[in-house]
C-alpha cells in the first residue's frame, strides 16, 4: 500500500476513535455508492452525520479542513442522498469534517461544516 494511503487509513482510524469517545455511534466507514464515498457515517444522538476526514502531517500548507472544496462537498451530498434513500432514513442530518494532524495525533471536529441545498 502506498504511503499516502497508509497515512489516510491511519488518520481515519484516529478519527473513528475520536468520534466514538465523543459519543458517536459509527454506522459505516468508507461507505461507497457508485462514484461516491463517505469516510464515516455515524449517529450523534438522533442526528445522522456524514463525516469527511482530512489528514495532514502538519498545517504548513493549511489546515486539513481547508481541503474540503466545493466539489468534494457536492460529492458528499450526493453520497449522503444515496445513503438516505437506500436506508429509508427520515430525520435530521449533518455534515462534519474531522481534521487529523498525523505528527501530533491531534484531532479536530468541525460540526455543521457545510450544508446541502
PDB file of N, CA and C in Angstrom:
ATOM      1  N   UNK A   1       0.846  -1.173   0.000  1.00  0.00           N
ATOM      2  CA  UNK A   1       0.000   0.000   0.000  1.00  0.00           C
ATOM      3  C   UNK A   1       0.893   1.238   0.000  1.00  0.00           C
ATOM      4  N   UNK A   2       0.520   2.225  -0.811  1.00  0.00           N
ATOM      5  CA  UNK A   2       1.290   3.464  -0.902  1.00  0.00           C
ATOM      6  C   UNK A   2       1.242   4.222   0.424  1.00  0.00           C
ATOM      7  N   UNK A   3       2.299   4.999   0.692  1.00  0.00           N
ATOM      8  CA  UNK A   3       2.401   5.720   1.961  1.00  0.00           C
ATOM      9  C   UNK A   3       1.234   6.665   2.207  1.00  0.00           C
ATOM     10  N   UNK A   4       0.765   7.379   1.153  1.00  0.00           N
ATOM     11  CA  UNK A   4      -0.345   8.311   1.359  1.00  0.00           C
ATOM     12  C   UNK A   4      -1.627   7.566   1.710  1.00  0.00           C
ATOM     13  N   UNK A   5      -1.794   6.354   1.202  1.00  0.00           N
ATOM     14  CA  UNK A   5      -2.967   5.549   1.558  1.00  0.00           C
ATOM     15  C   UNK A   5      -2.869   5.055   2.997  1.00  0.00           C
ATOM     16  N   UNK A   6      -1.662   4.670   3.416  1.00  0.00           N
ATOM     17  CA  UNK A   6      -1.457   4.260   4.807  1.00  0.00           C
ATOM     18  C   UNK A   6      -1.733   5.425   5.751  1.00  0.00           C
ATOM     19  N   UNK A   7      -1.249   6.608   5.389  1.00  0.00           N
ATOM     20  CA  UNK A   7      -1.477   7.797   6.216  1.00  0.00           C
ATOM     21  C   UNK A   7      -2.963   8.113   6.305  1.00  0.00           C
ATOM     22  N   UNK A   8      -3.651   8.011   5.184  1.00  0.00           N
ATOM     23  CA  UNK A   8      -5.090   8.273   5.161  1.00  0.00           C
ATOM     24  C   UNK A   8      -5.862   7.293   6.027  1.00  0.00           C
ATOM     25  N   UNK A   9      -5.506   6.020   5.941  1.00  0.00           N
ATOM     26  CA  UNK A   9      -6.159   4.993   6.754  1.00  0.00           C
ATOM     27  C   UNK A   9      -5.881   5.219   8.235  1.00  0.00           C
ATOM     28  N   UNK A  10      -4.649   5.569   8.564  1.00  0.00           N
ATOM     29  CA  UNK A  10      -4.287   5.851   9.945  1.00  0.00           C
ATOM     30  C   UNK A  10      -5.092   7.049  10.472  1.00  0.00           C
ATOM     31  N   UNK A  11      -5.206   8.088   9.658  1.00  0.00           N
ATOM     32  CA  UNK A  11      -5.987   9.263  10.032  1.00  0.00           C
ATOM     33  C   UNK A  11      -7.451   8.925  10.253  1.00  0.00           C
ATOM     34  N   UNK A  12      -8.003   8.086   9.384  1.00  0.00           N
ATOM     35  CA  UNK A  12      -9.398   7.671   9.553  1.00  0.00           C
ATOM     36  C   UNK A  12      -9.580   6.877  10.850  1.00  0.00           C
ATOM     37  N   UNK A  13      -8.630   6.025  11.177  1.00  0.00           N
ATOM     38  CA  UNK A  13      -8.714   5.265  12.426  1.00  0.00           C
ATOM     39  C   UNK A  13      -8.688   6.193  13.639  1.00  0.00           C
ATOM     40  N   UNK A  14      -7.822   7.220  13.608  1.00  0.00           N
ATOM     41  CA  UNK A  14      -7.795   8.199  14.687  1.00  0.00           C
ATOM     42  C   UNK A  14      -9.127   8.942  14.777  1.00  0.00           C
ATOM     43  N   UNK A  15      -9.698   9.274  13.626  1.00  0.00           N
ATOM     44  CA  UNK A  15     -10.985   9.978  13.597  1.00  0.00           C
ATOM     45  C   UNK A  15     -12.107   9.107  14.170  1.00  0.00           C
ATOM     46  N   UNK A  16     -12.136   7.832  13.804  1.00  0.00           N
ATOM     47  CA  UNK A  16     -13.156   6.914  14.333  1.00  0.00           C
ATOM     48  C   UNK A  16     -13.052   6.826  15.847  1.00  0.00           C
ATOM     49  N   UNK A  17     -11.841   6.650  16.355  1.00  0.00           N
ATOM     50  CA  UNK A  17     -11.645   6.575  17.812  1.00  0.00           C
ATOM     51  C   UNK A  17     -12.096   7.862  18.494  1.00  0.00           C
ATOM     52  N   UNK A  18     -11.754   8.999  17.907  1.00  0.00           N
ATOM     53  CA  UNK A  18     -12.140  10.288  18.453  1.00  0.00           C
ATOM     54  C   UNK A  18     -13.663  10.408  18.524  1.00  0.00           C
ATOM     55  N   UNK A  19     -14.336  10.063  17.420  1.00  0.00           N
ATOM     56  CA  UNK A  19     -15.795  10.179  17.376  1.00  0.00           C
ATOM     57  C   UNK A  19     -16.468   9.230  18.367  1.00  0.00           C
ATOM     58  N   UNK A  20     -15.965   8.005  18.460  1.00  0.00           N
ATOM     59  CA  UNK A  20     -16.516   7.059  19.437  1.00  0.00           C
ATOM     60  C   UNK A  20     -16.389   7.618  20.850  1.00  0.00           C
ATOM     61  N   UNK A  21     -15.227   8.168  21.175  1.00  0.00           N
ATOM     62  CA  UNK A  21     -15.005   8.742  22.505  1.00  0.00           C
ATOM     63  C   UNK A  21     -15.877   9.964  22.757  1.00  0.00           C
ATOM     64  N   UNK A  22     -16.312  10.631  21.680  1.00  0.00           N
ATOM     65  CA  UNK A  22     -17.186  11.799  21.798  1.00  0.00           C
ATOM     66  C   UNK A  22     -18.663  11.402  21.844  1.00  0.00           C
ATOM     67  N   UNK A  23     -18.948  10.101  21.800  1.00  0.00           N
ATOM     68  CA  UNK A  23     -20.318   9.639  21.926  1.00  0.00           C
ATOM     69  C   UNK A  23     -21.034   9.324  20.625  1.00  0.00           C
ATOM     70  N   UNK A  24     -20.319   9.336  19.520  1.00  0.00           N
ATOM     71  CA  UNK A  24     -20.923   8.990  18.237  1.00  0.00           C
ATOM     72  C   UNK A  24     -21.031   7.467  18.118  1.00  0.00           C
ATOM     73  N   UNK A  25     -22.084   6.997  17.471  1.00  0.00           N
ATOM     74  CA  UNK A  25     -22.201   5.588  17.089  1.00  0.00           C
ATOM     75  C   UNK A  25     -21.790   5.484  15.622  1.00  0.00           C
ATOM     76  N   UNK A  26     -20.758   4.721  15.341  1.00  0.00           N
ATOM     77  CA  UNK A  26     -20.247   4.584  13.973  1.00  0.00           C
ATOM     78  C   UNK A  26     -21.095   3.545  13.243  1.00  0.00           C
ATOM     79  N   UNK A  27     -21.707   3.956  12.136  1.00  0.00           N
ATOM     80  CA  UNK A  27     -22.548   3.066  11.338  1.00  0.00           C
ATOM     81  C   UNK A  27     -21.785   2.453  10.167  1.00  0.00           C
ATOM     82  N   UNK A  28     -20.863   3.235   9.583  1.00  0.00           N
ATOM     83  CA  UNK A  28     -20.101   2.745   8.431  1.00  0.00           C
ATOM     84  C   UNK A  28     -18.817   3.552   8.290  1.00  0.00           C
ATOM     85  N   UNK A  29     -17.796   2.882   7.782  1.00  0.00           N
ATOM     86  CA  UNK A  29     -16.525   3.531   7.461  1.00  0.00           C
ATOM     87  C   UNK A  29     -16.251   3.246   5.990  1.00  0.00           C
ATOM     88  N   UNK A  30     -15.883   4.288   5.257  1.00  0.00           N
ATOM     89  CA  UNK A  30     -15.642   4.186   3.810  1.00  0.00           C
ATOM     90  C   UNK A  30     -16.854   3.622   3.079  1.00  0.00           C
ATOM     91  N   UNK A  31     -18.016   4.180   3.359  1.00  0.00           N
ATOM     92  CA  UNK A  31     -19.253   3.758   2.698  1.00  0.00           C
ATOM     93  C   UNK A  31     -19.235   4.265   1.261  1.00  0.00           C
ATOM     94  N   UNK A  32     -19.465   3.350   0.325  1.00  0.00           N
ATOM     95  CA  UNK A  32     -19.403   3.690  -1.097  1.00  0.00           C
ATOM     96  C   UNK A  32     -20.716   3.413  -1.804  1.00  0.00           C
ATOM     97  N   UNK A  33     -21.002   4.275  -2.782  1.00  0.00           N
ATOM     98  CA  UNK A  33     -22.122   4.072  -3.692  1.00  0.00           C
ATOM     99  C   UNK A  33     -21.741   4.702  -5.019  1.00  0.00           C
ATOM    100  N   UNK A  34     -21.740   3.890  -6.060  1.00  0.00           N
ATOM    101  CA  UNK A  34     -21.312   4.325  -7.388  1.00  0.00           C
ATOM    102  C   UNK A  34     -19.950   5.003  -7.307  1.00  0.00           C
ATOM    103  N   UNK A  35     -19.911   6.311  -7.629  1.00  0.00           N
ATOM    104  CA  UNK A  35     -18.638   7.037  -7.684  1.00  0.00           C
ATOM    105  C   UNK A  35     -18.309   7.750  -6.383  1.00  0.00           C
ATOM    106  N   UNK A  36     -19.191   7.666  -5.394  1.00  0.00           N
ATOM    107  CA  UNK A  36     -19.073   8.484  -4.200  1.00  0.00           C
ATOM    108  C   UNK A  36     -18.661   7.659  -2.995  1.00  0.00           C
ATOM    109  N   UNK A  37     -18.049   8.347  -2.052  1.00  0.00           N
ATOM    110  CA  UNK A  37     -17.643   7.697  -0.811  1.00  0.00           C
ATOM    111  C   UNK A  37     -17.809   8.678   0.346  1.00  0.00           C
ATOM    112  N   UNK A  38     -18.250   8.137   1.463  1.00  0.00           N
ATOM    113  CA  UNK A  38     -18.295   8.896   2.713  1.00  0.00           C
ATOM    114  C   UNK A  38     -17.311   8.219   3.652  1.00  0.00           C
ATOM    115  N   UNK A  39     -16.397   8.993   4.218  1.00  0.00           N
ATOM    116  CA  UNK A  39     -15.389   8.412   5.097  1.00  0.00           C
ATOM    117  C   UNK A  39     -16.022   7.746   6.311  1.00  0.00           C
ATOM    118  N   UNK A  40     -16.930   8.450   6.983  1.00  0.00           N
ATOM    119  CA  UNK A  40     -17.589   7.894   8.166  1.00  0.00           C
ATOM    120  C   UNK A  40     -19.052   8.311   8.162  1.00  0.00           C
ATOM    121  N   UNK A  41     -19.924   7.338   8.408  1.00  0.00           N
ATOM    122  CA  UNK A  41     -21.337   7.614   8.640  1.00  0.00           C
ATOM    123  C   UNK A  41     -21.588   7.253  10.095  1.00  0.00           C
ATOM    124  N   UNK A  42     -22.191   8.190  10.833  1.00  0.00           N
ATOM    125  CA  UNK A  42     -22.369   7.982  12.265  1.00  0.00           C
ATOM    126  C   UNK A  42     -23.686   8.588  12.735  1.00  0.00           C
ATOM    127  N   UNK A  43     -24.068   8.215  13.941  1.00  0.00           N
ATOM    128  CA  UNK A  43     -25.204   8.847  14.611  1.00  0.00           C
ATOM    129  C   UNK A  43     -24.674   9.561  15.840  1.00  0.00           C
ATOM    130  N   UNK A  44     -25.105  10.793  16.011  1.00  0.00           N
ATOM    131  CA  UNK A  44     -24.864  11.507  17.260  1.00  0.00           C
ATOM    132  C   UNK A  44     -26.236  11.842  17.807  1.00  0.00           C
ATOM    133  N   UNK A  45     -26.597  11.153  18.862  1.00  0.00           N
ATOM    134  CA  UNK A  45     -27.943  11.219  19.418  1.00  0.00           C
ATOM    135  C   UNK A  45     -28.923  10.857  18.305  1.00  0.00           C
ATOM    136  N   UNK A  46     -29.779  11.763  17.879  1.00  0.00           N
ATOM    137  CA  UNK A  46     -30.760  11.434  16.839  1.00  0.00           C
ATOM    138  C   UNK A  46     -30.434  12.074  15.494  1.00  0.00           C
ATOM    139  N   UNK A  47     -29.175  12.432  15.280  1.00  0.00           N
ATOM    140  CA  UNK A  47     -28.748  13.080  14.034  1.00  0.00           C
ATOM    141  C   UNK A  47     -27.838  12.144  13.255  1.00  0.00           C
ATOM    142  N   UNK A  48     -28.175  11.925  11.974  1.00  0.00           N
ATOM    143  CA  UNK A  48     -27.323  11.149  11.081  1.00  0.00           C
ATOM    144  C   UNK A  48     -26.224  12.080  10.580  1.00  0.00           C
ATOM    145  N   UNK A  49     -24.968  11.692  10.790  1.00  0.00           N
ATOM    146  CA  UNK A  49     -23.837  12.563  10.487  1.00  0.00           C
ATOM    147  C   UNK A  49     -22.951  11.914   9.418  1.00  0.00           C
ATOM    148  N   UNK A  50     -22.666  12.692   8.384  1.00  0.00           N
ATOM    149  CA  UNK A  50     -21.751  12.278   7.326  1.00  0.00           C
ATOM    150  C   UNK A  50     -20.445  13.034   7.554  1.00  0.00           C
ATOM    151  N   UNK A  51     -19.355  12.279   7.714  1.00  0.00           N
ATOM    152  CA  UNK A  51     -18.088  12.870   8.133  1.00  0.00           C
ATOM    153  C   UNK A  51     -17.027  12.682   7.053  1.00  0.00           C
ATOM    154  N   UNK A  52     -16.399  13.785   6.695  1.00  0.00           N
ATOM    155  CA  UNK A  52     -15.232  13.761   5.814  1.00  0.00           C
ATOM    156  C   UNK A  52     -13.996  13.905   6.684  1.00  0.00           C
ATOM    157  N   UNK A  53     -13.030  13.019   6.502  1.00  0.00           N
ATOM    158  CA  UNK A  53     -11.795  13.049   7.274  1.00  0.00           C
ATOM    159  C   UNK A  53     -10.673  13.548   6.370  1.00  0.00           C
ATOM    160  N   UNK A  54      -9.952  14.544   6.852  1.00  0.00           N
ATOM    161  CA  UNK A  54      -8.788  15.049   6.133  1.00  0.00           C
ATOM    162  C   UNK A  54      -7.580  14.962   7.053  1.00  0.00           C
ATOM    163  N   UNK A  55      -6.571  14.278   6.590  1.00  0.00           N
ATOM    164  CA  UNK A  55      -5.347  14.083   7.383  1.00  0.00           C
ATOM    165  C   UNK A  55      -4.177  14.791   6.706  1.00  0.00           C
ATOM    166  N   UNK A  56      -3.358  15.419   7.521  1.00  0.00           N
ATOM    167  CA  UNK A  56      -2.135  16.063   7.048  1.00  0.00           C
ATOM    168  C   UNK A  56      -1.063  15.853   8.107  1.00  0.00           C
ATOM    169  N   UNK A  57       0.180  15.855   7.674  1.00  0.00           N
ATOM    170  CA  UNK A  57       1.276  15.737   8.638  1.00  0.00           C
ATOM    171  C   UNK A  57       1.327  16.955   9.540  1.00  0.00           C
ATOM    172  N   UNK A  58       1.079  18.145   8.972  1.00  0.00           N
ATOM    173  CA  UNK A  58       1.109  19.383   9.743  1.00  0.00           C
ATOM    174  C   UNK A  58       0.194  20.391   9.050  1.00  0.00           C
ATOM    175  N   UNK A  59       0.153  21.602   9.584  1.00  0.00           N
ATOM    176  CA  UNK A  59      -0.648  22.654   8.956  1.00  0.00           C
ATOM    177  C   UNK A  59       0.216  23.625   8.148  1.00  0.00           C
ATOM    178  N   UNK A  60       1.389  23.175   7.750  1.00  0.00           N
ATOM    179  CA  UNK A  60       2.320  24.002   6.993  1.00  0.00           C
ATOM    180  C   UNK A  60       1.675  24.577   5.728  1.00  0.00           C
ATOM    181  N   UNK A  61       0.841  23.800   5.062  1.00  0.00           N
ATOM    182  CA  UNK A  61       0.193  24.244   3.822  1.00  0.00           C
ATOM    183  C   UNK A  61      -1.286  24.534   4.025  1.00  0.00           C
ATOM    184  N   UNK A  62      -1.718  24.664   5.247  1.00  0.00           N
ATOM    185  CA  UNK A  62      -3.116  24.942   5.552  1.00  0.00           C
ATOM    186  C   UNK A  62      -3.687  23.856   6.438  1.00  0.00           C
ATOM    187  N   UNK A  63      -4.780  24.197   7.106  1.00  0.00           N
ATOM    188  CA  UNK A  63      -5.420  23.209   7.970  1.00  0.00           C
ATOM    189  C   UNK A  63      -6.125  22.173   7.106  1.00  0.00           C
ATOM    190  N   UNK A  64      -6.178  20.942   7.567  1.00  0.00           N
ATOM    191  CA  UNK A  64      -6.759  19.877   6.743  1.00  0.00           C
ATOM    192  C   UNK A  64      -8.169  20.178   6.233  1.00  0.00           C
ATOM    193  N   UNK A  65      -9.007  20.778   7.059  1.00  0.00           N
ATOM    194  CA  UNK A  65     -10.393  21.038   6.647  1.00  0.00           C
ATOM    195  C   UNK A  65     -10.487  21.979   5.448  1.00  0.00           C
ATOM    196  N   UNK A  66      -9.449  22.799   5.218  1.00  0.00           N
ATOM    197  CA  UNK A  66      -9.448  23.700   4.063  1.00  0.00           C
ATOM    198  C   UNK A  66      -9.440  22.941   2.733  1.00  0.00           C
ATOM    199  N   UNK A  67      -9.103  21.666   2.775  1.00  0.00           N
ATOM    200  CA  UNK A  67      -9.003  20.880   1.554  1.00  0.00           C
ATOM    201  C   UNK A  67     -10.313  20.193   1.165  1.00  0.00           C
ATOM    202  N   UNK A  68     -11.385  20.499   1.879  1.00  0.00           N
ATOM    203  CA  UNK A  68     -12.718  20.003   1.506  1.00  0.00           C
ATOM    204  C   UNK A  68     -13.365  21.114   0.684  1.00  0.00           C
ATOM    205  N   UNK A  69     -13.116  21.066  -0.626  1.00  0.00           N
ATOM    206  CA  UNK A  69     -13.591  22.114  -1.521  1.00  0.00           C
ATOM    207  C   UNK A  69     -15.048  21.881  -1.932  1.00  0.00           C
ATOM    208  N   UNK A  70     -15.579  22.783  -2.749  1.00  0.00           N
ATOM    209  CA  UNK A  70     -16.981  22.695  -3.167  1.00  0.00           C
ATOM    210  C   UNK A  70     -17.290  21.401  -3.900  1.00  0.00           C
ATOM    211  N   UNK A  71     -16.389  20.954  -4.750  1.00  0.00           N
ATOM    212  CA  UNK A  71     -16.625  19.703  -5.492  1.00  0.00           C
ATOM    213  C   UNK A  71     -16.720  18.530  -4.516  1.00  0.00           C
ATOM    214  N   UNK A  72     -15.823  18.473  -3.542  1.00  0.00           N
ATOM    215  CA  UNK A  72     -15.861  17.399  -2.541  1.00  0.00           C
ATOM    216  C   UNK A  72     -17.150  17.474  -1.738  1.00  0.00           C
ATOM    217  N   UNK A  73     -17.576  18.679  -1.390  1.00  0.00           N
ATOM    218  CA  UNK A  73     -18.826  18.843  -0.663  1.00  0.00           C
ATOM    219  C   UNK A  73     -20.009  18.321  -1.475  1.00  0.00           C
ATOM    220  N   UNK A  74     -20.039  18.650  -2.751  1.00  0.00           N
ATOM    221  CA  UNK A  74     -21.136  18.188  -3.608  1.00  0.00           C
ATOM    222  C   UNK A  74     -21.139  16.667  -3.731  1.00  0.00           C
ATOM    223  N   UNK A  75     -19.966  16.058  -3.834  1.00  0.00           N
ATOM    224  CA  UNK A  75     -19.876  14.597  -3.883  1.00  0.00           C
ATOM    225  C   UNK A  75     -20.385  13.972  -2.583  1.00  0.00           C
ATOM    226  N   UNK A  76     -20.043  14.578  -1.443  1.00  0.00           N
ATOM    227  CA  UNK A  76     -20.525  14.069  -0.156  1.00  0.00           C
ATOM    228  C   UNK A  76     -22.037  14.186  -0.048  1.00  0.00           C
ATOM    229  N   UNK A  77     -22.576  15.286  -0.540  1.00  0.00           N
ATOM    230  CA  UNK A  77     -24.024  15.478  -0.513  1.00  0.00           C
ATOM    231  C   UNK A  77     -24.712  14.418  -1.364  1.00  0.00           C
ATOM    232  N   UNK A  78     -24.176  14.134  -2.535  1.00  0.00           N
ATOM    233  CA  UNK A  78     -24.763  13.099  -3.395  1.00  0.00           C
ATOM    234  C   UNK A  78     -24.683  11.725  -2.734  1.00  0.00           C
ATOM    235  N   UNK A  79     -23.561  11.425  -2.115  1.00  0.00           N
ATOM    236  CA  UNK A  79     -23.418  10.148  -1.412  1.00  0.00           C
ATOM    237  C   UNK A  79     -24.406  10.071  -0.256  1.00  0.00           C
ATOM    238  N   UNK A  80     -24.555  11.165   0.474  1.00  0.00           N
ATOM    239  CA  UNK A  80     -25.498  11.202   1.598  1.00  0.00           C
ATOM    240  C   UNK A  80     -26.924  10.966   1.118  1.00  0.00           C
ATOM    241  N   UNK A  81     -27.289  11.589  -0.002  1.00  0.00           N
ATOM    242  CA  UNK A  81     -28.635  11.387  -0.553  1.00  0.00           C
ATOM    243  C   UNK A  81     -28.865   9.924  -0.903  1.00  0.00           C
ATOM    244  N   UNK A  82     -27.851   9.278  -1.452  1.00  0.00           N
ATOM    245  CA  UNK A  82     -27.963   7.849  -1.779  1.00  0.00           C
ATOM    246  C   UNK A  82     -28.103   7.022  -0.508  1.00  0.00           C
ATOM    247  N   UNK A  83     -27.295   7.318   0.498  1.00  0.00           N
ATOM    248  CA  UNK A  83     -27.363   6.585   1.768  1.00  0.00           C
ATOM    249  C   UNK A  83     -28.748   6.720   2.391  1.00  0.00           C
ATOM    250  N   UNK A  84     -29.264   7.937   2.409  1.00  0.00           N
ATOM    251  CA  UNK A  84     -30.579   8.207   2.994  1.00  0.00           C
ATOM    252  C   UNK A  84     -31.661   7.427   2.260  1.00  0.00           C
ATOM    253  N   UNK A  85     -31.598   7.442   0.940  1.00  0.00           N
ATOM    254  CA  UNK A  85     -32.607   6.730   0.145  1.00  0.00           C
ATOM    255  C   UNK A  85     -32.508   5.220   0.339  1.00  0.00           C
ATOM    256  N   UNK A  86     -31.311   4.676   0.280  1.00  0.00           N
ATOM    257  CA  UNK A  86     -31.134   3.229   0.425  1.00  0.00           C
ATOM    258  C   UNK A  86     -31.540   2.727   1.809  1.00  0.00           C
ATOM    259  N   UNK A  87     -31.327   3.567   2.825  1.00  0.00           N
ATOM    260  CA  UNK A  87     -31.636   3.169   4.191  1.00  0.00           C
ATOM    261  C   UNK A  87     -32.986   3.691   4.677  1.00  0.00           C
ATOM    262  N   UNK A  88     -33.687   4.376   3.771  1.00  0.00           N
ATOM    263  CA  UNK A  88     -35.007   4.928   4.084  1.00  0.00           C
ATOM    264  C   UNK A  88     -34.982   5.747   5.385  1.00  0.00           C
ATOM    265  N   UNK A  89     -33.931   6.528   5.536  1.00  0.00           N
ATOM    266  CA  UNK A  89     -33.769   7.343   6.732  1.00  0.00           C
ATOM    267  C   UNK A  89     -34.641   8.585   6.645  1.00  0.00           C
ATOM    268  N   UNK A  90     -35.316   8.882   7.725  1.00  0.00           N
ATOM    269  CA  UNK A  90     -36.101  10.106   7.844  1.00  0.00           C
ATOM    270  C   UNK A  90     -35.650  10.785   9.133  1.00  0.00           C
ATOM    271  N   UNK A  91     -35.172  11.985   9.020  1.00  0.00           N
ATOM    272  CA  UNK A  91     -34.726  12.707  10.213  1.00  0.00           C
ATOM    273  C   UNK A  91     -33.666  13.721   9.865  1.00  0.00           C
ATOM    274  N   UNK A  92     -33.078  14.269  10.895  1.00  0.00           N
ATOM    275  CA  UNK A  92     -32.087  15.323  10.738  1.00  0.00           C
ATOM    276  C   UNK A  92     -30.739  14.734  10.317  1.00  0.00           C
ATOM    277  N   UNK A  93     -30.029  15.482   9.456  1.00  0.00           N
ATOM    278  CA  UNK A  93     -28.687  15.088   9.043  1.00  0.00           C
ATOM    279  C   UNK A  93     -27.736  16.262   9.255  1.00  0.00           C
ATOM    280  N   UNK A  94     -26.452  15.935   9.194  1.00  0.00           N
ATOM    281  CA  UNK A  94     -25.429  16.959   9.357  1.00  0.00           C
ATOM    282  C   UNK A  94     -24.170  16.512   8.621  1.00  0.00           C
ATOM    283  N   UNK A  95     -23.391  17.485   8.144  1.00  0.00           N
ATOM    284  CA  UNK A  95     -22.105  17.218   7.508  1.00  0.00           C
ATOM    285  C   UNK A  95     -21.007  17.788   8.388  1.00  0.00           C
ATOM    286  N   UNK A  96     -20.101  16.925   8.841  1.00  0.00           N
ATOM    287  CA  UNK A  96     -18.981  17.325   9.686  1.00  0.00           C
ATOM    288  C   UNK A  96     -17.666  17.056   8.966  1.00  0.00           C
ATOM    289  N   UNK A  97     -16.629  17.743   9.405  1.00  0.00           N
ATOM    290  CA  UNK A  97     -15.274  17.478   8.922  1.00  0.00           C
ATOM    291  C   UNK A  97     -14.406  17.192  10.139  1.00  0.00           C
ATOM    292  N   UNK A  98     -13.591  16.165  10.036  1.00  0.00           N
ATOM    293  CA  UNK A  98     -12.603  15.869  11.064  1.00  0.00           C
ATOM    294  C   UNK A  98     -11.222  16.108  10.459  1.00  0.00           C
ATOM    295  N   UNK A  99     -10.465  16.989  11.108  1.00  0.00           N
ATOM    296  CA  UNK A  99      -9.079  17.257  10.713  1.00  0.00           C
ATOM    297  C   UNK A  99      -8.164  16.450  11.613  1.00  0.00           C
ATOM    298  N   UNK A 100      -7.233  15.727  10.992  1.00  0.00           N
ATOM    299  CA  UNK A 100      -6.286  14.916  11.745  1.00  0.00           C
ATOM    300  C   UNK A 100      -4.874  15.397  11.407  1.00  0.00           C
ATOM    301  N   UNK A 101      -4.116  15.700  12.463  1.00  0.00           N
ATOM    302  CA  UNK A 101      -2.714  16.085  12.312  1.00  0.00           C
ATOM    303  C   UNK A 101      -1.874  14.866  12.689  1.00  0.00           C
ATOM    304  N   UNK A 102      -1.296  14.233  11.694  1.00  0.00           N
ATOM    305  CA  UNK A 102      -0.646  12.943  11.887  1.00  0.00           C
ATOM    306  C   UNK A 102       0.579  13.009  12.793  1.00  0.00           C
ATOM    307  N   UNK A 103       1.363  14.081  12.703  1.00  0.00           N
ATOM    308  CA  UNK A 103       2.586  14.153  13.512  1.00  0.00           C
ATOM    309  C   UNK A 103       2.284  14.244  15.002  1.00  0.00           C
ATOM    310  N   UNK A 104       1.207  14.946  15.356  1.00  0.00           N
ATOM    311  CA  UNK A 104       0.875  15.144  16.768  1.00  0.00           C
ATOM    312  C   UNK A 104      -0.305  14.288  17.242  1.00  0.00           C
ATOM    313  N   UNK A 105      -0.977  13.647  16.297  1.00  0.00           N
ATOM    314  CA  UNK A 105      -2.198  12.867  16.560  1.00  0.00           C
ATOM    315  C   UNK A 105      -3.340  13.738  17.082  1.00  0.00           C
ATOM    316  N   UNK A 106      -3.262  15.026  16.802  1.00  0.00           N
ATOM    317  CA  UNK A 106      -4.326  15.950  17.188  1.00  0.00           C
ATOM    318  C   UNK A 106      -5.505  15.765  16.242  1.00  0.00           C
ATOM    319  N   UNK A 107      -6.714  15.745  16.804  1.00  0.00           N
ATOM    320  CA  UNK A 107      -7.931  15.575  16.019  1.00  0.00           C
ATOM    321  C   UNK A 107      -8.884  16.717  16.352  1.00  0.00           C
ATOM    322  N   UNK A 108      -9.421  17.357  15.319  1.00  0.00           N
ATOM    323  CA  UNK A 108     -10.376  18.442  15.492  1.00  0.00           C
ATOM    324  C   UNK A 108     -11.652  18.121  14.736  1.00  0.00           C
ATOM    325  N   UNK A 109     -12.778  18.390  15.369  1.00  0.00           N
ATOM    326  CA  UNK A 109     -14.092  18.152  14.775  1.00  0.00           C
ATOM    327  C   UNK A 109     -14.759  19.481  14.461  1.00  0.00           C
ATOM    328  N   UNK A 110     -15.203  19.638  13.229  1.00  0.00           N
ATOM    329  CA  UNK A 110     -15.999  20.799  12.839  1.00  0.00           C
ATOM    330  C   UNK A 110     -17.403  20.285  12.547  1.00  0.00           C
ATOM    331  N   UNK A 111     -18.330  20.582  13.448  1.00  0.00           N
ATOM    332  CA  UNK A 111     -19.727  20.186  13.249  1.00  0.00           C
ATOM    333  C   UNK A 111     -20.399  21.197  12.323  1.00  0.00           C
ATOM    334  N   UNK A 112     -21.372  20.701  11.537  1.00  0.00           N
ATOM    335  CA  UNK A 112     -22.084  21.567  10.591  1.00  0.00           C
ATOM    336  C   UNK A 112     -21.106  22.324   9.697  1.00  0.00           C
ATOM    337  N   UNK A 113     -20.133  21.625   9.163  1.00  0.00           N
ATOM    338  CA  UNK A 113     -19.086  22.253   8.363  1.00  0.00           C
ATOM    339  C   UNK A 113     -19.636  22.851   7.072  1.00  0.00           C
ATOM    340  N   UNK A 114     -20.678  22.243   6.523  1.00  0.00           N
ATOM    341  CA  UNK A 114     -21.349  22.756   5.339  1.00  0.00           C
ATOM    342  C   UNK A 114     -22.731  22.145   5.282  1.00  0.00           C
ATOM    343  N   UNK A 115     -23.566  22.671   4.384  1.00  0.00           N
ATOM    344  CA  UNK A 115     -24.942  22.221   4.295  1.00  0.00           C
ATOM    345  C   UNK A 115     -25.294  21.852   2.861  1.00  0.00           C
ATOM    346  N   UNK A 116     -26.287  20.978   2.745  1.00  0.00           N
ATOM    347  CA  UNK A 116     -26.819  20.667   1.416  1.00  0.00           C
ATOM    348  C   UNK A 116     -27.925  21.672   1.103  1.00  0.00           C
ATOM    349  N   UNK A 117     -28.335  21.710  -0.146  1.00  0.00           N
ATOM    350  CA  UNK A 117     -29.369  22.681  -0.536  1.00  0.00           C
ATOM    351  C   UNK A 117     -30.719  22.275  -0.051  1.00  0.00           C
TER     352      UNK A 117
END
